[in-house]
């Protein structure tokens, strides 16, 4: 709305009574007289400022909502990726536990086999000693056995 020409006789001292929101705001000329001034409606300016502020608030809220929805979608994607990686990690750790249990069982089996081997070697040593003693006792009889 373009400013209109307002005609008012009086001095600039009379200006404060025109600051009432019900009246137009008067701008005096350089001479201090308000004889011919441009005026504007304060209500229109307040309404314009309110609408501009409202537009900024609505725009900011819209931008915030759009960014929040994007963040929520991104969080869902990342959560899905984490779930896949965590399940993969869980499978690998279960396999590792299973292998460790098998290795522990195999280690026990190996210890038992080692004990059996020690007992068998001890028996072998006893038998070898007995064989050596027997050969020493009957070694003189070899002279009488024909050789081929």
N, C-alpha and C. Protein backbone atom coordinates (compact mmCIF):
# COMPACT_ATOMS: atom_id res chain seq x y z
N UNK A 1 0.85 -1.16 0.00
CA UNK A 1 0.00 0.00 0.00
C UNK A 1 0.90 1.23 0.00
N UNK A 2 0.79 2.08 -1.03
CA UNK A 2 1.66 3.26 -1.12
C UNK A 2 1.27 4.30 -0.08
N UNK A 3 2.27 5.07 0.42
CA UNK A 3 1.92 6.10 1.41
C UNK A 3 1.05 7.18 0.76
N UNK A 4 0.15 7.69 1.54
CA UNK A 4 -0.72 8.75 1.05
C UNK A 4 -0.29 10.08 1.64
N UNK A 5 -0.66 11.15 0.98
CA UNK A 5 -0.35 12.48 1.49
C UNK A 5 -1.38 12.84 2.55
N UNK A 6 -0.88 13.27 3.69
CA UNK A 6 -1.78 13.65 4.77
C UNK A 6 -1.60 15.14 5.02
N UNK A 7 -2.66 15.86 5.20
CA UNK A 7 -2.61 17.28 5.49
C UNK A 7 -3.03 17.48 6.93
N UNK A 8 -2.18 18.22 7.66
CA UNK A 8 -2.48 18.48 9.06
C UNK A 8 -1.81 19.78 9.43
N UNK A 9 -2.53 20.64 10.02
CA UNK A 9 -1.99 21.92 10.47
C UNK A 9 -1.54 21.75 11.92
N UNK A 10 -0.39 22.28 12.26
CA UNK A 10 0.08 22.20 13.63
C UNK A 10 1.59 22.14 13.67
N UNK A 11 2.08 22.02 14.86
CA UNK A 11 3.52 22.00 15.05
C UNK A 11 3.97 20.58 15.41
N UNK A 12 5.28 20.34 15.40
CA UNK A 12 5.81 19.03 15.76
C UNK A 12 5.59 18.74 17.23
N UNK A 13 5.35 19.79 18.06
CA UNK A 13 5.09 19.58 19.48
C UNK A 13 3.79 18.80 19.68
N UNK A 14 2.90 18.90 18.72
CA UNK A 14 1.62 18.20 18.84
C UNK A 14 1.74 16.72 18.48
N UNK A 15 2.92 16.30 18.11
CA UNK A 15 3.12 14.94 17.61
C UNK A 15 2.78 13.84 18.62
N UNK A 16 3.13 13.93 19.91
CA UNK A 16 2.87 12.81 20.81
C UNK A 16 1.41 12.40 20.89
N UNK A 17 0.47 13.29 20.71
CA UNK A 17 -0.92 12.86 20.80
C UNK A 17 -1.30 12.00 19.60
N UNK A 18 -0.46 11.98 18.58
CA UNK A 18 -0.76 11.16 17.40
C UNK A 18 -0.08 9.78 17.48
N UNK A 19 0.64 9.53 18.55
CA UNK A 19 1.29 8.25 18.71
C UNK A 19 0.32 7.18 19.24
N UNK A 20 -0.88 7.55 19.46
CA UNK A 20 -1.89 6.60 19.91
C UNK A 20 -2.11 5.57 18.81
N UNK A 21 -2.17 4.24 19.13
CA UNK A 21 -2.30 3.22 18.08
C UNK A 21 -3.57 3.35 17.25
N UNK A 22 -4.52 4.07 17.74
CA UNK A 22 -5.77 4.23 16.98
C UNK A 22 -5.61 5.23 15.84
N UNK A 23 -4.59 6.06 15.91
CA UNK A 23 -4.39 7.09 14.89
C UNK A 23 -3.19 6.74 14.02
N UNK A 24 -3.08 7.43 12.92
CA UNK A 24 -1.93 7.25 12.04
C UNK A 24 -0.71 7.90 12.66
N UNK A 25 0.47 7.46 12.27
CA UNK A 25 1.72 8.02 12.75
C UNK A 25 2.12 9.14 11.79
N UNK A 26 2.36 10.30 12.35
CA UNK A 26 2.66 11.47 11.53
C UNK A 26 4.15 11.73 11.53
N UNK A 27 4.70 11.97 10.36
CA UNK A 27 6.12 12.29 10.23
C UNK A 27 6.21 13.75 9.81
N UNK A 28 6.79 14.64 10.64
CA UNK A 28 6.86 16.08 10.28
C UNK A 28 7.90 16.33 9.20
N UNK A 29 7.77 17.46 8.55
CA UNK A 29 8.77 17.85 7.55
C UNK A 29 9.95 18.52 8.22
N UNK A 30 10.92 19.03 7.42
CA UNK A 30 12.16 19.59 7.96
C UNK A 30 11.93 20.86 8.77
N UNK A 31 10.86 21.56 8.51
CA UNK A 31 10.64 22.84 9.19
C UNK A 31 10.01 22.66 10.56
N UNK A 32 9.71 21.43 10.92
CA UNK A 32 9.10 21.21 12.22
C UNK A 32 7.59 21.28 12.15
N UNK A 33 7.05 21.55 10.99
CA UNK A 33 5.61 21.63 10.84
C UNK A 33 5.09 20.33 10.26
N UNK A 34 3.93 19.99 10.65
CA UNK A 34 3.32 18.77 10.11
C UNK A 34 2.26 19.16 9.09
N UNK A 35 2.58 20.20 8.33
CA UNK A 35 1.59 20.71 7.39
C UNK A 35 1.34 19.73 6.25
N UNK A 36 2.40 19.21 5.67
CA UNK A 36 2.21 18.25 4.58
C UNK A 36 3.20 17.10 4.85
N UNK A 37 2.72 15.97 5.27
CA UNK A 37 3.57 14.85 5.66
C UNK A 37 3.05 13.59 5.02
N UNK A 38 3.95 12.59 4.99
CA UNK A 38 3.53 11.25 4.57
C UNK A 38 3.12 10.49 5.82
N UNK A 39 2.07 9.77 5.77
CA UNK A 39 1.65 9.01 6.93
C UNK A 39 1.46 7.55 6.52
N UNK A 40 1.55 6.68 7.49
CA UNK A 40 1.25 5.28 7.25
C UNK A 40 0.47 4.76 8.44
N UNK A 41 -0.22 3.67 8.20
CA UNK A 41 -1.06 3.10 9.24
C UNK A 41 -0.22 2.13 10.05
N UNK A 42 -0.13 2.37 11.34
CA UNK A 42 0.68 1.53 12.21
C UNK A 42 0.12 0.10 12.26
N UNK A 43 -1.16 -0.05 12.21
CA UNK A 43 -1.76 -1.38 12.25
C UNK A 43 -1.32 -2.22 11.05
N UNK A 44 -1.23 -1.61 9.90
CA UNK A 44 -0.79 -2.34 8.72
C UNK A 44 0.67 -2.79 8.87
N UNK A 45 1.50 -1.91 9.43
CA UNK A 45 2.91 -2.26 9.63
C UNK A 45 3.06 -3.38 10.64
N UNK A 46 2.30 -3.33 11.73
CA UNK A 46 2.35 -4.39 12.74
C UNK A 46 1.88 -5.71 12.14
N UNK A 47 0.80 -5.63 11.35
CA UNK A 47 0.29 -6.84 10.70
C UNK A 47 1.34 -7.40 9.74
N UNK A 48 1.98 -6.54 8.99
CA UNK A 48 3.01 -6.97 8.06
C UNK A 48 4.19 -7.62 8.81
N UNK A 49 4.62 -7.01 9.91
CA UNK A 49 5.71 -7.57 10.71
C UNK A 49 5.30 -8.92 11.31
N UNK A 50 4.05 -8.99 11.79
CA UNK A 50 3.56 -10.25 12.35
C UNK A 50 3.53 -11.34 11.28
N UNK A 51 3.04 -11.02 10.11
CA UNK A 51 2.97 -12.01 9.04
C UNK A 51 4.37 -12.45 8.59
N UNK A 52 5.30 -11.51 8.54
CA UNK A 52 6.68 -11.85 8.19
C UNK A 52 7.28 -12.78 9.24
N UNK A 53 7.07 -12.45 10.52
CA UNK A 53 7.56 -13.31 11.60
C UNK A 53 6.91 -14.68 11.57
N UNK A 54 5.60 -14.71 11.32
CA UNK A 54 4.89 -15.98 11.23
C UNK A 54 5.42 -16.82 10.08
N UNK A 55 5.67 -16.17 8.94
CA UNK A 55 6.22 -16.90 7.79
C UNK A 55 7.59 -17.48 8.14
N UNK A 56 8.43 -16.71 8.85
CA UNK A 56 9.74 -17.22 9.25
C UNK A 56 9.61 -18.38 10.23
N UNK A 57 8.69 -18.29 11.17
CA UNK A 57 8.50 -19.37 12.14
C UNK A 57 8.00 -20.63 11.44
N UNK A 58 7.02 -20.47 10.54
CA UNK A 58 6.49 -21.63 9.82
C UNK A 58 7.58 -22.23 8.92
N UNK A 59 8.34 -21.38 8.26
CA UNK A 59 9.43 -21.89 7.42
C UNK A 59 10.48 -22.61 8.26
N UNK A 60 10.84 -22.04 9.39
CA UNK A 60 11.82 -22.69 10.27
C UNK A 60 11.29 -24.01 10.82
N UNK A 61 10.02 -24.03 11.20
CA UNK A 61 9.43 -25.28 11.71
C UNK A 61 9.38 -26.33 10.61
N UNK A 62 9.04 -25.91 9.39
CA UNK A 62 9.02 -26.85 8.27
C UNK A 62 10.41 -27.42 8.02
N UNK A 63 11.40 -26.55 7.99
CA UNK A 63 12.78 -27.01 7.79
C UNK A 63 13.20 -27.96 8.90
N UNK A 64 12.84 -27.64 10.14
CA UNK A 64 13.18 -28.51 11.26
C UNK A 64 12.52 -29.87 11.13
N UNK A 65 11.26 -29.89 10.73
CA UNK A 65 10.55 -31.17 10.58
C UNK A 65 11.18 -31.99 9.45
N UNK A 66 11.50 -31.33 8.34
CA UNK A 66 12.11 -32.05 7.21
C UNK A 66 13.46 -32.63 7.63
N UNK A 67 14.26 -31.86 8.33
CA UNK A 67 15.57 -32.36 8.78
C UNK A 67 15.40 -33.47 9.81
N UNK A 68 14.40 -33.34 10.70
CA UNK A 68 14.16 -34.38 11.71
C UNK A 68 13.73 -35.68 11.05
N UNK A 69 12.89 -35.60 10.03
CA UNK A 69 12.47 -36.81 9.32
C UNK A 69 13.67 -37.45 8.62
N UNK A 70 14.51 -36.63 8.01
CA UNK A 70 15.72 -37.16 7.38
C UNK A 70 16.65 -37.81 8.40
N UNK A 71 16.79 -37.20 9.57
CA UNK A 71 17.61 -37.77 10.62
C UNK A 71 17.03 -39.09 11.10
N UNK A 72 15.71 -39.16 11.23
CA UNK A 72 15.04 -40.39 11.67
C UNK A 72 15.27 -41.51 10.65
N UNK A 73 15.15 -41.20 9.37
CA UNK A 73 15.38 -42.21 8.33
C UNK A 73 16.82 -42.68 8.34
N UNK A 74 17.74 -41.74 8.50
CA UNK A 74 19.15 -42.10 8.56
C UNK A 74 19.43 -42.98 9.77
N UNK A 75 18.81 -42.66 10.90
CA UNK A 75 18.99 -43.47 12.10
C UNK A 75 18.43 -44.88 11.89
N UNK A 76 17.32 -45.00 11.17
CA UNK A 76 16.78 -46.32 10.88
C UNK A 76 17.75 -47.12 10.01
N UNK A 77 18.34 -46.47 8.99
CA UNK A 77 19.29 -47.16 8.13
C UNK A 77 20.52 -47.61 8.91
N UNK A 78 21.03 -46.71 9.74
CA UNK A 78 22.22 -47.04 10.54
C UNK A 78 21.88 -48.14 11.53
N UNK A 79 20.69 -48.07 12.13
CA UNK A 79 20.28 -49.12 13.06
C UNK A 79 20.21 -50.48 12.38
N UNK A 80 19.69 -50.50 11.15
CA UNK A 80 19.65 -51.76 10.40
C UNK A 80 21.04 -52.28 10.10
N UNK A 81 21.94 -51.37 9.73
CA UNK A 81 23.33 -51.79 9.45
C UNK A 81 23.99 -52.31 10.72
N UNK A 82 23.75 -51.65 11.85
CA UNK A 82 24.30 -52.12 13.11
C UNK A 82 23.73 -53.49 13.47
N UNK A 83 22.44 -53.68 13.23
CA UNK A 83 21.82 -54.97 13.56
C UNK A 83 22.45 -56.09 12.73
N UNK A 84 22.69 -55.82 11.45
CA UNK A 84 23.32 -56.84 10.60
C UNK A 84 24.73 -57.15 11.10
N UNK A 85 25.49 -56.12 11.39
CA UNK A 85 26.86 -56.33 11.86
C UNK A 85 26.89 -57.02 13.22
N UNK A 86 25.96 -56.66 14.11
CA UNK A 86 25.92 -57.30 15.42
C UNK A 86 25.54 -58.77 15.31
N UNK A 87 24.61 -59.09 14.43
CA UNK A 87 24.24 -60.50 14.26
C UNK A 87 25.41 -61.28 13.66
N UNK A 88 26.13 -60.67 12.72
CA UNK A 88 27.31 -61.32 12.16
C UNK A 88 28.37 -61.54 13.24
N UNK A 89 28.58 -60.54 14.07
CA UNK A 89 29.54 -60.66 15.16
C UNK A 89 29.10 -61.74 16.15
N UNK A 90 27.81 -61.81 16.42
CA UNK A 90 27.29 -62.82 17.34
C UNK A 90 27.51 -64.23 16.77
N UNK A 91 27.28 -64.40 15.48
CA UNK A 91 27.52 -65.70 14.85
C UNK A 91 29.00 -66.09 14.94
N UNK A 92 29.87 -65.14 14.65
CA UNK A 92 31.30 -65.43 14.71
C UNK A 92 31.75 -65.75 16.12
N UNK A 93 31.22 -65.02 17.11
CA UNK A 93 31.61 -65.30 18.49
C UNK A 93 31.07 -66.66 18.94
N UNK A 94 29.87 -67.04 18.50
CA UNK A 94 29.34 -68.37 18.84
C UNK A 94 30.21 -69.46 18.21
N UNK A 95 30.64 -69.25 16.97
CA UNK A 95 31.52 -70.22 16.31
C UNK A 95 32.85 -70.31 17.04
N UNK A 96 33.37 -69.19 17.48
CA UNK A 96 34.64 -69.19 18.22
C UNK A 96 34.48 -69.93 19.54
N UNK A 97 33.37 -69.71 20.23
CA UNK A 97 33.12 -70.43 21.48
C UNK A 97 33.05 -71.93 21.23
N UNK A 98 32.36 -72.31 20.16
CA UNK A 98 32.25 -73.73 19.83
C UNK A 98 33.63 -74.32 19.53
N UNK A 99 34.44 -73.61 18.77
CA UNK A 99 35.79 -74.10 18.46
C UNK A 99 36.66 -74.18 19.71
N UNK A 100 36.51 -73.20 20.61
CA UNK A 100 37.28 -73.25 21.85
C UNK A 100 36.85 -74.43 22.72
N UNK A 101 35.55 -74.72 22.75
CA UNK A 101 35.08 -75.88 23.51
C UNK A 101 35.62 -77.17 22.91
N UNK A 102 35.63 -77.26 21.58
CA UNK A 102 36.19 -78.45 20.93
C UNK A 102 37.69 -78.56 21.20
N UNK A 103 38.39 -77.42 21.17
CA UNK A 103 39.83 -77.44 21.45
C UNK A 103 40.08 -77.85 22.90
N UNK A 104 39.25 -77.39 23.82
CA UNK A 104 39.39 -77.76 25.22
C UNK A 104 39.16 -79.27 25.39
N UNK A 105 38.11 -79.79 24.75
CA UNK A 105 37.83 -81.23 24.80
C UNK A 105 38.99 -82.01 24.18
N UNK A 106 39.48 -81.54 23.03
CA UNK A 106 40.60 -82.21 22.36
C UNK A 106 41.85 -82.16 23.24
N UNK A 107 42.05 -81.06 23.94
CA UNK A 107 43.19 -80.95 24.85
C UNK A 107 43.08 -81.97 25.98
N UNK A 108 41.87 -82.15 26.50
CA UNK A 108 41.65 -83.18 27.53
C UNK A 108 41.91 -84.57 26.99
N UNK A 109 41.41 -84.81 25.76
CA UNK A 109 41.67 -86.11 25.13
C UNK A 109 43.17 -86.33 24.92
N UNK A 110 43.85 -85.27 24.53
CA UNK A 110 45.29 -85.37 24.31
C UNK A 110 46.03 -85.65 25.61
N UNK A 111 45.61 -85.00 26.69
CA UNK A 111 46.24 -85.27 27.99
C UNK A 111 46.03 -86.73 28.40
N UNK A 112 44.82 -87.25 28.18
CA UNK A 112 44.55 -88.65 28.52
C UNK A 112 45.39 -89.58 27.65
N UNK A 113 45.52 -89.27 26.37
CA UNK A 113 46.34 -90.09 25.47
C UNK A 113 47.80 -90.03 25.88
N UNK A 114 48.25 -88.86 26.32
CA UNK A 114 49.64 -88.71 26.77
C UNK A 114 49.89 -89.56 28.01
N UNK A 115 48.96 -89.62 28.93
CA UNK A 115 49.11 -90.47 30.12
C UNK A 115 49.15 -91.95 29.72
N UNK A 116 48.28 -92.33 28.79
CA UNK A 116 48.30 -93.72 28.32
C UNK A 116 49.63 -94.03 27.63
N UNK A 117 50.16 -93.07 26.88
CA UNK A 117 51.45 -93.29 26.22
C UNK A 117 52.56 -93.46 27.24
N UNK A 118 52.55 -92.66 28.30
CA UNK A 118 53.57 -92.79 29.34
C UNK A 118 53.51 -94.18 29.99
N UNK A 119 52.27 -94.64 30.26
CA UNK A 119 52.12 -95.98 30.85
C UNK A 119 52.63 -97.05 29.88
N UNK A 120 52.28 -96.89 28.60
CA UNK A 120 52.72 -97.87 27.59
C UNK A 120 54.22 -97.87 27.45
N UNK A 121 54.84 -96.70 27.47
CA UNK A 121 56.31 -96.64 27.35
C UNK A 121 56.97 -97.27 28.57
N UNK A 122 56.36 -97.04 29.73
CA UNK A 122 56.93 -97.67 30.94
C UNK A 122 56.85 -99.19 30.82
N UNK A 123 55.72 -99.73 30.33
CA UNK A 123 55.59 -101.17 30.12
C UNK A 123 56.62 -101.66 29.09
N UNK A 124 56.77 -100.85 28.03
CA UNK A 124 57.74 -101.22 26.99
C UNK A 124 59.14 -101.30 27.57
N UNK A 125 59.51 -100.35 28.39
CA UNK A 125 60.83 -100.34 29.00
C UNK A 125 61.02 -101.58 29.90
N UNK A 126 59.95 -101.94 30.62
CA UNK A 126 60.04 -103.15 31.46
C UNK A 126 60.24 -104.37 30.58
N UNK A 127 59.47 -104.44 29.49
CA UNK A 127 59.58 -105.60 28.59
C UNK A 127 60.94 -105.64 27.90
N UNK A 128 61.43 -104.48 27.46
CA UNK A 128 62.75 -104.45 26.82
C UNK A 128 63.85 -104.87 27.81
N UNK A 129 63.72 -104.43 29.03
CA UNK A 129 64.70 -104.84 30.06
C UNK A 129 64.65 -106.36 30.30
N UNK A 130 63.44 -106.89 30.34
CA UNK A 130 63.29 -108.34 30.53
C UNK A 130 63.86 -109.09 29.33
N UNK A 131 63.64 -108.56 28.12
CA UNK A 131 64.18 -109.19 26.91
C UNK A 131 65.70 -109.18 26.94
N UNK A 132 66.28 -108.07 27.31
CA UNK A 132 67.76 -107.99 27.40
C UNK A 132 68.31 -108.99 28.42
N UNK A 133 67.66 -109.11 29.55
CA UNK A 133 68.11 -110.08 30.56
C UNK A 133 67.98 -111.51 30.05
N UNK A 134 66.85 -111.76 29.34
CA UNK A 134 66.65 -113.12 28.81
C UNK A 134 67.69 -113.45 27.75
N UNK A 135 67.99 -112.45 26.88
CA UNK A 135 69.00 -112.69 25.84
C UNK A 135 70.38 -112.90 26.46
N UNK A 136 70.63 -112.19 27.55
CA UNK A 136 71.93 -112.36 28.21
C UNK A 136 72.04 -113.74 28.84
N UNK A 137 70.95 -114.25 29.35
CA UNK A 137 70.98 -115.57 29.98
C UNK A 137 71.13 -116.69 28.95
N UNK A 138 70.48 -116.51 27.80
CA UNK A 138 70.51 -117.60 26.82
C UNK A 138 71.47 -117.31 25.68
N UNK A 139 72.27 -116.33 25.81
CA UNK A 139 73.20 -115.98 24.74
C UNK A 139 74.22 -117.06 24.48
N UNK A 140 74.66 -117.81 25.45
CA UNK A 140 75.64 -118.88 25.27
C UNK A 140 75.07 -120.03 24.48
N UNK A 141 73.68 -120.15 24.44
CA UNK A 141 73.07 -121.24 23.68
C UNK A 141 73.10 -120.97 22.18
N UNK A 142 73.37 -119.83 21.78
CA UNK A 142 73.39 -119.49 20.35
C UNK A 142 74.51 -120.23 19.63
N UNK A 143 75.47 -120.52 20.35
CA UNK A 143 76.59 -121.24 19.73
C UNK A 143 76.17 -122.60 19.24
N UNK A 144 75.19 -123.17 19.87
CA UNK A 144 74.72 -124.52 19.49
C UNK A 144 73.59 -124.51 18.47
N UNK A 145 73.01 -123.35 18.18
CA UNK A 145 71.91 -123.26 17.21
C UNK A 145 72.52 -123.07 15.84
N UNK A 146 72.11 -123.94 14.88
CA UNK A 146 72.68 -123.77 13.54
C UNK A 146 72.17 -122.49 12.91
N UNK A 147 72.97 -121.83 12.17
CA UNK A 147 72.58 -120.61 11.47
C UNK A 147 72.32 -120.92 10.02
N UNK A 148 71.65 -120.33 9.35
CA UNK A 148 71.28 -120.61 7.97
C UNK A 148 72.26 -120.15 7.01
